[in-house]
Amino acid sequence: MSRKARRKSGLALCLAAVVLVALDLFLAGDRGQRKAFIPRDAGALPPKKSVVAIVRSDDPELPDPSPPDAILTYEQVDAIVKRAISLDTSERRLDKVIEPGDWVVIKPNIVTCTPIRDNYLGMGNNGERHKGQVTDLRVVKSVIDYLVHMEHPPRRITIAEGGAEWRNLSDPRRDPRQTEDGWTVHWPEFGNLSYVDIVDEFDGVNGVKVDIVDLNYDDWVDANGVIRGNGPPIPVPDPNHTGITWLQRPEGYYVSKTLLECDKLINIPVMKTHDIPGVTLIFKNYVGTFMQRAYGQTDNSKMLLHKYA
């Protein structure tokens, strides 16, 4: 198999695996009550085996199976996602965890977007778009389609991300040559979709509000529950001694108001490789939740996170 074909095969497998490998849902408190920003019993979940579903594009149970190195249509990707979801029969599956009235936040990875002239904003690799840093929008669309058509759907679905290498078009500090951002740009590799397209398609379906929150401009919350406060940051609870404390800032972090107030959080990242540990899989997707403006930073770079990690 050629290098190009192997790469396509790997991407197809990652696409198939991403759904339940990366659909980690976190309960954010009871609806109708003020969220406890530092729950008394907060900490790492007790050790459990995760439910993992991997569906290849050539799965014979799919309506239109294709070789792993094939270019897939949205319909094929949608079938892969829905089959992966259906393979989870546990009590923690999506239709058991999502409750009527929930506010569900979906966190994709949108590190980069279409390069500006002369690759001015560095969005890509050697002047080329680097789609390995961007969640396949077809997967996000399929998950939203699943959620809005549940028997008892959530009340709101928000796509939330804080991209590192682009500014929102509404940002007065953006370069005037920037005509697209991570929400409006269309990706030919991913069905020529944009996130604005996805929101327009699903907003209001079955009474579900579907919207976007750019985390780079979201309010942050301090440990006292004060919005955009300058009190102490929220400490990272680690009573179970998971062994990650040496990697985190002892004082804690300021946290996105959206992420604190939502009822469920679905992580749909790119399963990445990394030049230091080899792979980061789903974990670096949370870099996009860093509230850099809480620390006085005015651009969207996440490099400051390394200082506070």
Protein backbone atom coordinates (compact mmCIF):
# COMPACT_ATOMS: atom_id res chain seq x y z
CA MET A 1 0.00 0.00 0.00
CA SER A 2 1.34 3.44 -0.89
CA ARG A 3 2.15 6.04 1.75
CA LYS A 4 -0.81 8.14 0.60
CA ALA A 5 -3.15 5.17 0.78
CA ARG A 6 -1.87 4.25 4.25
CA ARG A 7 -2.52 7.80 5.38
CA LYS A 8 -6.07 7.70 4.03
CA SER A 9 -6.58 4.35 5.73
CA GLY A 10 -5.41 5.75 9.03
CA LEU A 11 -7.68 8.76 8.69
CA ALA A 12 -10.65 6.56 7.88
CA LEU A 13 -9.98 4.38 10.91
CA CYS A 14 -9.59 7.40 13.15
CA LEU A 15 -12.83 8.82 11.80
CA ALA A 16 -14.59 5.58 12.61
CA ALA A 17 -13.06 5.31 16.05
CA VAL A 18 -13.53 8.89 17.14
CA VAL A 19 -17.18 8.64 18.02
CA LEU A 20 -17.27 6.54 21.16
CA VAL A 21 -13.59 6.76 21.92
CA ALA A 22 -13.97 10.51 22.14
CA LEU A 23 -17.59 10.96 23.22
CA ASP A 24 -16.68 11.41 26.87
CA LEU A 25 -19.61 12.99 28.66
CA PHE A 26 -19.35 14.83 31.93
CA LEU A 27 -22.31 15.60 34.19
CA ALA A 28 -22.24 19.25 35.17
CA GLY A 29 -24.79 19.29 38.00
CA ASP A 30 -28.54 19.23 38.41
CA ARG A 31 -30.58 21.43 36.11
CA GLY A 32 -32.43 24.27 37.74
CA GLN A 33 -29.78 24.70 40.44
CA ARG A 34 -26.72 26.88 40.57
CA LYS A 35 -23.67 24.87 39.60
CA ALA A 36 -21.22 24.05 42.38
CA PHE A 37 -18.00 25.23 40.82
CA ILE A 38 -15.90 23.02 43.12
CA PRO A 39 -18.05 20.03 44.08
CA ARG A 40 -17.05 18.49 47.39
CA ASP A 41 -16.72 15.06 45.85
CA ALA A 42 -15.09 16.29 42.64
CA GLY A 43 -12.22 14.28 41.31
CA ALA A 44 -11.24 11.68 38.80
CA LEU A 45 -13.91 9.08 38.18
CA PRO A 46 -13.28 5.72 39.83
CA PRO A 47 -11.41 3.30 37.57
CA LYS A 48 -13.74 1.77 35.01
CA LYS A 49 -13.33 0.17 31.64
CA SER A 50 -14.36 2.53 28.87
CA VAL A 51 -16.80 1.47 26.20
CA VAL A 52 -15.01 1.71 22.86
CA ALA A 53 -16.62 1.10 19.47
CA ILE A 54 -14.51 0.98 16.32
CA VAL A 55 -16.27 0.82 12.96
CA ARG A 56 -14.29 0.64 9.74
CA SER A 57 -15.68 2.00 6.52
CA ASP A 58 -15.72 -1.55 5.09
CA ASP A 59 -17.89 -2.95 7.89
CA PRO A 60 -20.33 -5.34 6.15
CA GLU A 61 -23.15 -4.11 8.40
CA LEU A 62 -22.98 -0.66 6.82
CA PRO A 63 -25.45 0.13 4.01
CA ASP A 64 -22.64 1.20 1.67
CA PRO A 65 -19.31 -0.26 2.84
CA SER A 66 -16.17 1.09 1.19
CA PRO A 67 -12.44 0.34 1.38
CA PRO A 68 -10.61 2.13 4.23
CA ASP A 69 -8.68 4.28 1.74
CA ALA A 70 -11.82 5.41 -0.12
CA ILE A 71 -13.07 8.99 -0.09
CA LEU A 72 -16.32 8.85 1.86
CA THR A 73 -19.57 10.73 1.37
CA TYR A 74 -21.41 12.35 4.25
CA GLU A 75 -23.99 9.56 4.09
CA GLN A 76 -21.25 6.96 4.57
CA VAL A 77 -19.67 8.86 7.46
CA ASP A 78 -23.09 9.30 9.05
CA ALA A 79 -23.72 5.56 8.84
CA ILE A 80 -20.34 4.85 10.47
CA VAL A 81 -21.05 7.26 13.33
CA LYS A 82 -24.56 5.94 13.94
CA ARG A 83 -23.36 2.32 13.90
CA ALA A 84 -20.59 3.12 16.38
CA ILE A 85 -23.12 4.76 18.69
CA SER A 86 -25.47 1.79 18.38
CA LEU A 87 -22.73 -0.64 19.41
CA ASP A 88 -22.70 0.87 22.89
CA THR A 89 -25.36 -1.00 24.86
CA SER A 90 -24.18 0.15 28.29
CA GLU A 91 -26.14 2.27 30.73
CA ARG A 92 -23.81 5.16 29.87
CA ARG A 93 -24.71 5.31 26.20
CA LEU A 94 -25.84 8.58 24.67
CA ASP A 95 -29.58 7.98 24.79
CA LYS A 96 -29.28 7.07 28.48
CA VAL A 97 -27.04 9.96 29.48
CA ILE A 98 -28.67 12.82 27.55
CA GLU A 99 -31.85 13.95 29.30
CA PRO A 100 -34.74 16.11 28.10
CA GLY A 101 -33.98 19.74 28.81
CA ASP A 102 -30.21 19.26 28.83
CA TRP A 103 -27.81 21.82 27.46
CA VAL A 104 -25.28 19.76 25.53
CA VAL A 105 -21.97 21.28 24.48
CA ILE A 106 -19.99 19.64 21.67
CA LYS A 107 -16.26 20.41 21.66
CA PRO A 108 -14.60 19.79 18.27
CA ASN A 109 -11.03 20.67 17.31
CA ILE A 110 -10.62 23.71 15.03
CA VAL A 111 -6.97 24.65 15.56
CA THR A 112 -6.59 26.04 12.06
CA CYS A 113 -8.74 27.25 9.19
CA THR A 114 -8.16 28.16 5.55
CA PRO A 115 -4.78 29.89 5.02
CA ILE A 116 -4.78 33.62 4.44
CA ARG A 117 -2.64 35.17 1.68
CA ASP A 118 0.99 34.02 1.93
CA ASN A 119 -0.08 31.79 4.80
CA TYR A 120 0.02 34.98 6.88
CA LEU A 121 -1.65 33.52 9.94
CA GLY A 122 0.27 30.26 9.84
CA MET A 123 -2.85 28.19 9.35
CA GLY A 124 -1.42 24.99 8.03
CA ASN A 125 1.79 23.20 7.24
CA ASN A 126 4.19 24.60 4.61
CA GLY A 127 1.38 26.66 3.14
CA GLU A 128 -1.05 23.75 2.97
CA ARG A 129 -4.13 23.28 5.11
CA HIS A 130 -3.48 20.72 7.81
CA LYS A 131 -6.75 18.84 8.12
CA GLY A 132 -5.18 16.57 10.71
CA GLN A 133 -5.75 19.40 13.20
CA VAL A 134 -9.45 19.79 12.48
CA THR A 135 -12.31 17.52 13.50
CA ASP A 136 -14.19 16.09 10.52
CA LEU A 137 -17.30 18.26 10.35
CA ARG A 138 -19.27 15.32 8.99
CA VAL A 139 -18.81 13.54 12.33
CA VAL A 140 -20.02 16.60 14.25
CA LYS A 141 -23.02 16.93 11.94
CA SER A 142 -23.89 13.26 12.39
CA VAL A 143 -23.74 13.49 16.19
CA ILE A 144 -25.99 16.57 16.18
CA ASP A 145 -28.40 14.80 13.83
CA TYR A 146 -28.52 11.89 16.29
CA LEU A 147 -29.15 14.19 19.25
CA VAL A 148 -31.93 16.30 17.72
CA HIS A 149 -33.78 13.19 16.58
CA MET A 150 -33.66 11.40 19.93
CA GLU A 151 -37.04 10.45 21.36
CA HIS A 152 -36.45 13.02 24.10
CA PRO A 153 -33.88 15.45 22.69
CA PRO A 154 -31.93 18.05 24.66
CA ARG A 155 -33.19 21.63 24.68
CA ARG A 156 -29.94 23.14 23.39
CA ILE A 157 -26.83 21.97 21.53
CA THR A 158 -23.83 24.28 21.40
CA ILE A 159 -20.70 23.81 19.31
CA ALA A 160 -17.91 25.37 21.38
CA GLU A 161 -14.24 25.86 20.55
CA GLY A 162 -11.44 28.36 21.03
CA GLY A 163 -9.25 28.14 17.93
CA ALA A 164 -5.57 28.97 18.37
CA GLU A 165 -4.60 30.23 14.91
CA TRP A 166 -7.52 32.41 13.84
CA ARG A 167 -9.69 35.20 15.16
CA ASN A 168 -13.46 35.41 15.02
CA LEU A 169 -14.66 37.61 12.15
CA SER A 170 -16.32 39.86 14.72
CA ASP A 171 -12.98 40.50 16.44
CA PRO A 172 -11.88 44.09 15.70
CA ARG A 173 -8.26 42.97 16.09
CA ARG A 174 -8.43 40.51 13.21
CA ASP A 175 -6.28 41.11 10.16
CA PRO A 176 -8.40 42.84 7.46
CA ARG A 177 -7.24 40.23 4.96
CA GLN A 178 -9.01 37.53 6.95
CA THR A 179 -12.35 36.87 5.26
CA GLU A 180 -13.18 33.53 6.92
CA ASP A 181 -12.88 32.08 10.38
CA GLY A 182 -13.15 28.59 11.82
CA TRP A 183 -16.94 28.83 11.94
CA THR A 184 -17.60 30.13 8.43
CA VAL A 185 -14.88 28.40 6.41
CA HIS A 186 -15.95 25.47 4.19
CA TRP A 187 -13.82 22.33 4.19
CA PRO A 188 -13.79 20.45 0.84
CA GLU A 189 -12.26 17.45 2.63
CA PHE A 190 -15.25 17.26 4.96
CA GLY A 191 -18.21 17.46 2.59
CA ASN A 192 -17.59 21.17 1.95
CA LEU A 193 -19.33 21.85 5.26
CA SER A 194 -18.91 24.77 7.61
CA TYR A 195 -20.10 25.01 11.20
CA VAL A 196 -22.41 27.84 10.25
CA ASP A 197 -23.99 25.48 7.69
CA ILE A 198 -24.52 22.83 10.36
CA VAL A 199 -26.15 25.28 12.77
CA ASP A 200 -28.42 26.64 10.03
CA GLU A 201 -29.54 23.11 9.16
CA PHE A 202 -30.39 21.92 12.66
CA ASP A 203 -31.36 25.00 14.66
CA GLY A 204 -35.01 24.64 15.62
CA VAL A 205 -35.40 21.00 14.54
CA ASN A 206 -37.68 19.27 17.06
CA GLY A 207 -37.53 22.42 19.17
CA VAL A 208 -33.79 22.14 19.82
CA LYS A 209 -31.73 25.32 19.82
CA VAL A 210 -28.41 24.78 18.02
CA ASP A 211 -25.77 27.48 18.24
CA ILE A 212 -22.07 28.34 18.43
CA VAL A 213 -19.99 29.70 21.31
CA ASP A 214 -16.47 30.89 20.53
CA LEU A 215 -14.60 30.05 23.72
CA ASN A 216 -11.91 32.61 22.93
CA TYR A 217 -14.48 35.28 23.77
CA ASP A 218 -16.48 33.45 26.41
CA ASP A 219 -16.80 34.67 29.98
CA TRP A 220 -14.58 32.96 32.52
CA VAL A 221 -15.41 32.08 36.12
CA ASP A 222 -13.18 32.24 39.19
CA ALA A 223 -13.30 30.00 42.27
CA ASN A 224 -15.82 32.32 43.92
CA GLY A 225 -18.26 31.87 41.04
CA VAL A 226 -17.72 35.45 39.88
CA ILE A 227 -18.09 36.04 36.13
CA ARG A 228 -14.92 37.61 34.71
CA GLY A 229 -13.74 37.84 38.29
CA ASN A 230 -10.19 38.39 39.44
CA GLY A 231 -10.48 36.09 42.42
CA PRO A 232 -8.53 32.85 42.78
CA PRO A 233 -8.76 30.40 39.87
CA ILE A 234 -10.59 27.10 40.22
CA PRO A 235 -8.26 24.40 41.57
CA VAL A 236 -8.00 21.07 39.79
CA PRO A 237 -9.53 18.45 42.10
CA ASP A 238 -7.36 15.36 42.30
CA PRO A 239 -8.23 13.52 45.54
CA ASN A 240 -7.68 10.14 43.91
CA HIS A 241 -4.02 10.96 43.18
CA THR A 242 -4.21 10.23 39.49
CA GLY A 243 -0.58 11.16 39.02
CA ILE A 244 -1.21 14.15 36.76
CA THR A 245 -0.82 16.87 39.38
CA TRP A 246 2.78 17.62 38.46
CA LEU A 247 1.55 18.64 35.01
CA GLN A 248 -1.04 21.10 36.23
CA ARG A 249 -0.93 24.58 37.72
CA PRO A 250 -1.21 24.26 41.53
CA GLU A 251 -3.41 27.36 41.78
CA GLY A 252 -5.82 25.98 39.20
CA TYR A 253 -7.38 27.69 36.19
CA TYR A 254 -10.10 30.11 35.22
CA VAL A 255 -12.79 28.12 33.44
CA SER A 256 -15.24 28.87 30.64
CA LYS A 257 -18.71 29.82 31.87
CA THR A 258 -20.23 27.80 29.03
CA LEU A 259 -18.40 24.64 30.05
CA LEU A 260 -19.30 25.09 33.70
CA GLU A 261 -22.98 25.70 33.07
CA CYS A 262 -23.72 23.07 30.41
CA ASP A 263 -25.28 19.79 31.50
CA LYS A 264 -23.30 17.46 29.25
CA LEU A 265 -20.03 17.87 27.37
CA ILE A 266 -19.23 15.74 24.30
CA ASN A 267 -15.61 15.74 23.19
CA ILE A 268 -15.18 15.08 19.44
CA PRO A 269 -11.48 15.63 18.79
CA VAL A 270 -8.94 14.65 16.22
CA MET A 271 -6.97 11.64 17.45
CA LYS A 272 -3.60 13.34 17.12
CA THR A 273 0.00 12.31 17.05
CA HIS A 274 2.55 14.44 18.92
CA ASP A 275 6.28 15.04 18.60
CA ILE A 276 6.97 14.53 22.33
CA PRO A 277 4.77 11.74 23.78
CA GLY A 278 4.06 10.20 20.36
CA VAL A 279 0.29 10.52 20.63
CA THR A 280 -2.15 12.72 22.52
CA LEU A 281 -5.27 11.07 21.09
CA ILE A 282 -8.25 12.95 22.54
CA PHE A 283 -6.63 14.87 25.35
CA LYS A 284 -5.20 17.98 23.70
CA ASN A 285 -8.65 18.94 22.46
CA TYR A 286 -9.11 20.61 25.83
CA VAL A 287 -6.39 23.13 24.94
CA GLY A 288 -9.14 24.96 23.07
CA THR A 289 -10.94 25.59 26.37
CA PHE A 290 -8.08 27.67 27.82
CA MET A 291 -9.33 31.10 28.92
CA GLN A 292 -6.23 33.06 27.89
CA ARG A 293 -7.96 36.42 28.26
CA ALA A 294 -8.43 35.75 31.97
CA TYR A 295 -4.66 36.02 32.26
CA GLY A 296 -4.41 39.28 30.32
CA GLN A 297 -3.60 37.83 26.90
CA THR A 298 -5.23 39.56 23.91
CA ASP A 299 -4.53 37.08 21.11
CA ASN A 300 -5.81 33.52 20.71
CA SER A 301 -2.54 31.62 20.98
CA LYS A 302 -2.61 28.81 23.51
CA MET A 303 1.14 28.83 24.11
CA LEU A 304 0.57 30.60 27.44
CA LEU A 305 -1.05 27.38 28.64
CA HIS A 306 2.41 25.79 28.77
CA LYS A 307 3.45 28.48 31.25
CA TYR A 308 0.52 27.66 33.49
CA ALA A 309 0.61 23.88 33.08
